[in-house]
Amino acid sequence: MHVAIARSYRLVCFAGTALAAIALAGTAYLFIAAMTATSFETTAAWLGARNWRLVHLLGGWYIWLSFAVAVGKRIPLGPVYWAMFALIILAAALRVIAMQGRGRPAAQVAA
């Protein structure tokens, strides 16, 4: 019985979905889990500052990429996807701008 339910669920939920899309989204969820698990003082200290930054930097960009791909491939379907894609690009641009300002004295950032 459980096998039949699992097979029908797979057929209904993943019909027409490419394996690459499932892998991309699944990896994004793994990054979300890793970022959540390392967002506590104990696990962050265990991981170390450099590795924590690496997990969160790569995870954030990977999640952004998965959204960009998911929305970008739907752009031909209508203008609402253009607007959503523009917001995704804006989020990336704001993130890059914010990253450029880190680690520099305030006088250098303003110049």
C-alpha atoms as a PDB file:
ATOM      1  CA  MET A   1       0.000   0.000   0.000  1.00  0.00           C
ATOM      2  CA  HIS A   2       2.746   2.475   0.952  1.00  0.00           C
ATOM      3  CA  VAL A   3       4.652   1.697  -2.226  1.00  0.00           C
ATOM      4  CA  ALA A   4       1.567   2.424  -4.338  1.00  0.00           C
ATOM      5  CA  ILE A   5       1.015   5.758  -2.587  1.00  0.00           C
ATOM      6  CA  ALA A   6       4.670   6.708  -3.000  1.00  0.00           C
ATOM      7  CA  ARG A   7       4.611   5.855  -6.714  1.00  0.00           C
ATOM      8  CA  SER A   8       1.411   7.798  -7.363  1.00  0.00           C
ATOM      9  CA  TYR A   9       2.784  10.788  -5.422  1.00  0.00           C
ATOM     10  CA  ARG A  10       5.927  10.703  -7.548  1.00  0.00           C
ATOM     11  CA  LEU A  11       3.910  10.531 -10.756  1.00  0.00           C
ATOM     12  CA  VAL A  12       1.637  13.419  -9.771  1.00  0.00           C
ATOM     13  CA  CYS A  13       4.210  15.762  -8.210  1.00  0.00           C
ATOM     14  CA  PHE A  14       7.172  15.189 -10.502  1.00  0.00           C
ATOM     15  CA  ALA A  15       5.405  14.654 -13.827  1.00  0.00           C
ATOM     16  CA  GLY A  16       7.046  16.872 -16.425  1.00  0.00           C
ATOM     17  CA  THR A  17       9.798  17.968 -14.063  1.00  0.00           C
ATOM     18  CA  ALA A  18      13.332  17.359 -15.267  1.00  0.00           C
ATOM     19  CA  LEU A  19      15.695  15.461 -13.011  1.00  0.00           C
ATOM     20  CA  ALA A  20      18.134  18.387 -13.186  1.00  0.00           C
ATOM     21  CA  ALA A  21      15.479  20.743 -11.789  1.00  0.00           C
ATOM     22  CA  ILE A  22      14.771  18.349  -8.935  1.00  0.00           C
ATOM     23  CA  ALA A  23      18.510  18.081  -8.192  1.00  0.00           C
ATOM     24  CA  LEU A  24      18.952  21.874  -8.299  1.00  0.00           C
ATOM     25  CA  ALA A  25      16.055  22.461  -5.921  1.00  0.00           C
ATOM     26  CA  GLY A  26      17.086  19.582  -3.666  1.00  0.00           C
ATOM     27  CA  THR A  27      20.591  20.966  -3.351  1.00  0.00           C
ATOM     28  CA  ALA A  28      19.141  24.365  -2.457  1.00  0.00           C
ATOM     29  CA  TYR A  29      17.172  22.717   0.343  1.00  0.00           C
ATOM     30  CA  LEU A  30      20.375  21.038   1.571  1.00  0.00           C
ATOM     31  CA  PHE A  31      22.036  24.456   1.707  1.00  0.00           C
ATOM     32  CA  ILE A  32      19.047  25.839   3.624  1.00  0.00           C
ATOM     33  CA  ALA A  33      19.369  22.992   6.131  1.00  0.00           C
ATOM     34  CA  ALA A  34      23.138  23.509   6.469  1.00  0.00           C
ATOM     35  CA  MET A  35      22.730  27.266   6.905  1.00  0.00           C
ATOM     36  CA  THR A  36      20.021  26.735   9.513  1.00  0.00           C
ATOM     37  CA  ALA A  37      22.052  24.158  11.407  1.00  0.00           C
ATOM     38  CA  THR A  38      25.088  26.454  11.518  1.00  0.00           C
ATOM     39  CA  SER A  39      23.155  29.537  12.593  1.00  0.00           C
ATOM     40  CA  PHE A  40      23.403  28.723  16.297  1.00  0.00           C
ATOM     41  CA  GLU A  41      26.303  29.812  18.484  1.00  0.00           C
ATOM     42  CA  THR A  42      27.426  26.268  19.301  1.00  0.00           C
ATOM     43  CA  THR A  43      27.449  24.953  15.746  1.00  0.00           C
ATOM     44  CA  ALA A  44      28.907  28.184  14.347  1.00  0.00           C
ATOM     45  CA  ALA A  45      31.758  28.014  16.864  1.00  0.00           C
ATOM     46  CA  TRP A  46      32.321  24.352  16.019  1.00  0.00           C
ATOM     47  CA  LEU A  47      32.444  25.138  12.307  1.00  0.00           C
ATOM     48  CA  GLY A  48      34.736  28.139  12.671  1.00  0.00           C
ATOM     49  CA  ALA A  49      34.311  31.647  11.302  1.00  0.00           C
ATOM     50  CA  ARG A  50      35.941  30.977   7.919  1.00  0.00           C
ATOM     51  CA  ASN A  51      33.952  27.809   7.194  1.00  0.00           C
ATOM     52  CA  TRP A  52      30.739  29.405   8.513  1.00  0.00           C
ATOM     53  CA  ARG A  53      31.183  32.300   6.103  1.00  0.00           C
ATOM     54  CA  LEU A  54      31.897  29.903   3.244  1.00  0.00           C
ATOM     55  CA  VAL A  55      28.761  27.812   3.901  1.00  0.00           C
ATOM     56  CA  HIS A  56      26.560  30.888   4.149  1.00  0.00           C
ATOM     57  CA  LEU A  57      28.133  32.666   1.177  1.00  0.00           C
ATOM     58  CA  LEU A  58      27.914  29.657  -1.146  1.00  0.00           C
ATOM     59  CA  GLY A  59      24.490  28.695   0.192  1.00  0.00           C
ATOM     60  CA  GLY A  60      23.050  32.157  -0.312  1.00  0.00           C
ATOM     61  CA  TRP A  61      24.312  32.400  -3.869  1.00  0.00           C
ATOM     62  CA  TYR A  62      23.190  28.862  -4.698  1.00  0.00           C
ATOM     63  CA  ILE A  63      19.692  29.558  -3.412  1.00  0.00           C
ATOM     64  CA  TRP A  64      19.668  32.783  -5.445  1.00  0.00           C
ATOM     65  CA  LEU A  65      20.737  30.808  -8.525  1.00  0.00           C
ATOM     66  CA  SER A  66      17.965  28.267  -8.039  1.00  0.00           C
ATOM     67  CA  PHE A  67      15.380  31.070  -7.902  1.00  0.00           C
ATOM     68  CA  ALA A  68      16.923  32.773 -10.945  1.00  0.00           C
ATOM     69  CA  VAL A  69      16.761  29.558 -12.968  1.00  0.00           C
ATOM     70  CA  ALA A  70      13.241  28.682 -11.820  1.00  0.00           C
ATOM     71  CA  VAL A  71      11.833  32.109 -12.674  1.00  0.00           C
ATOM     72  CA  GLY A  72      14.092  32.789 -15.667  1.00  0.00           C
ATOM     73  CA  LYS A  73      12.856  29.788 -17.602  1.00  0.00           C
ATOM     74  CA  ARG A  74       9.270  31.033 -17.166  1.00  0.00           C
ATOM     75  CA  ILE A  75       9.896  34.520 -18.594  1.00  0.00           C
ATOM     76  CA  PRO A  76       8.266  33.630 -21.954  1.00  0.00           C
ATOM     77  CA  LEU A  77       5.030  32.778 -20.115  1.00  0.00           C
ATOM     78  CA  GLY A  78       4.159  36.358 -19.246  1.00  0.00           C
ATOM     79  CA  PRO A  79       5.159  39.771 -17.942  1.00  0.00           C
ATOM     80  CA  VAL A  80       4.743  38.796 -14.290  1.00  0.00           C
ATOM     81  CA  TYR A  81       7.843  36.628 -14.652  1.00  0.00           C
ATOM     82  CA  TRP A  82       9.803  39.574 -16.061  1.00  0.00           C
ATOM     83  CA  ALA A  83       8.963  41.516 -12.910  1.00  0.00           C
ATOM     84  CA  MET A  84       9.889  38.610 -10.656  1.00  0.00           C
ATOM     85  CA  PHE A  85      13.162  38.096 -12.526  1.00  0.00           C
ATOM     86  CA  ALA A  86      13.941  41.806 -12.238  1.00  0.00           C
ATOM     87  CA  LEU A  87      13.484  41.565  -8.459  1.00  0.00           C
ATOM     88  CA  ILE A  88      15.814  38.560  -8.340  1.00  0.00           C
ATOM     89  CA  ILE A  89      18.483  40.460 -10.294  1.00  0.00           C
ATOM     90  CA  LEU A  90      17.976  43.492  -8.036  1.00  0.00           C
ATOM     91  CA  ALA A  91      18.506  41.302  -4.970  1.00  0.00           C
ATOM     92  CA  ALA A  92      21.791  40.041  -6.406  1.00  0.00           C
ATOM     93  CA  ALA A  93      22.924  43.569  -7.253  1.00  0.00           C
ATOM     94  CA  LEU A  94      22.130  44.808  -3.739  1.00  0.00           C
ATOM     95  CA  ARG A  95      24.000  41.867  -2.271  1.00  0.00           C
ATOM     96  CA  VAL A  96      27.090  42.577  -4.387  1.00  0.00           C
ATOM     97  CA  ILE A  97      26.981  46.252  -3.418  1.00  0.00           C
ATOM     98  CA  ALA A  98      26.689  45.333   0.263  1.00  0.00           C
ATOM     99  CA  MET A  99      29.555  42.857  -0.019  1.00  0.00           C
ATOM    100  CA  GLN A 100      31.815  45.503  -1.571  1.00  0.00           C
ATOM    101  CA  GLY A 101      31.348  47.736   1.465  1.00  0.00           C
ATOM    102  CA  ARG A 102      32.449  45.124   4.008  1.00  0.00           C
ATOM    103  CA  GLY A 103      35.847  45.188   5.587  1.00  0.00           C
ATOM    104  CA  ARG A 104      36.740  48.721   4.550  1.00  0.00           C
ATOM    105  CA  PRO A 105      36.913  51.842   6.694  1.00  0.00           C
ATOM    106  CA  ALA A 106      33.942  54.178   6.300  1.00  0.00           C
ATOM    107  CA  ALA A 107      36.071  56.868   4.579  1.00  0.00           C
ATOM    108  CA  GLN A 108      37.024  54.490   1.763  1.00  0.00           C
ATOM    109  CA  VAL A 109      33.453  53.296   1.227  1.00  0.00           C
ATOM    110  CA  ALA A 110      32.141  56.837   0.807  1.00  0.00           C
ATOM    111  CA  ALA A 111      34.819  57.739  -1.755  1.00  0.00           C
END
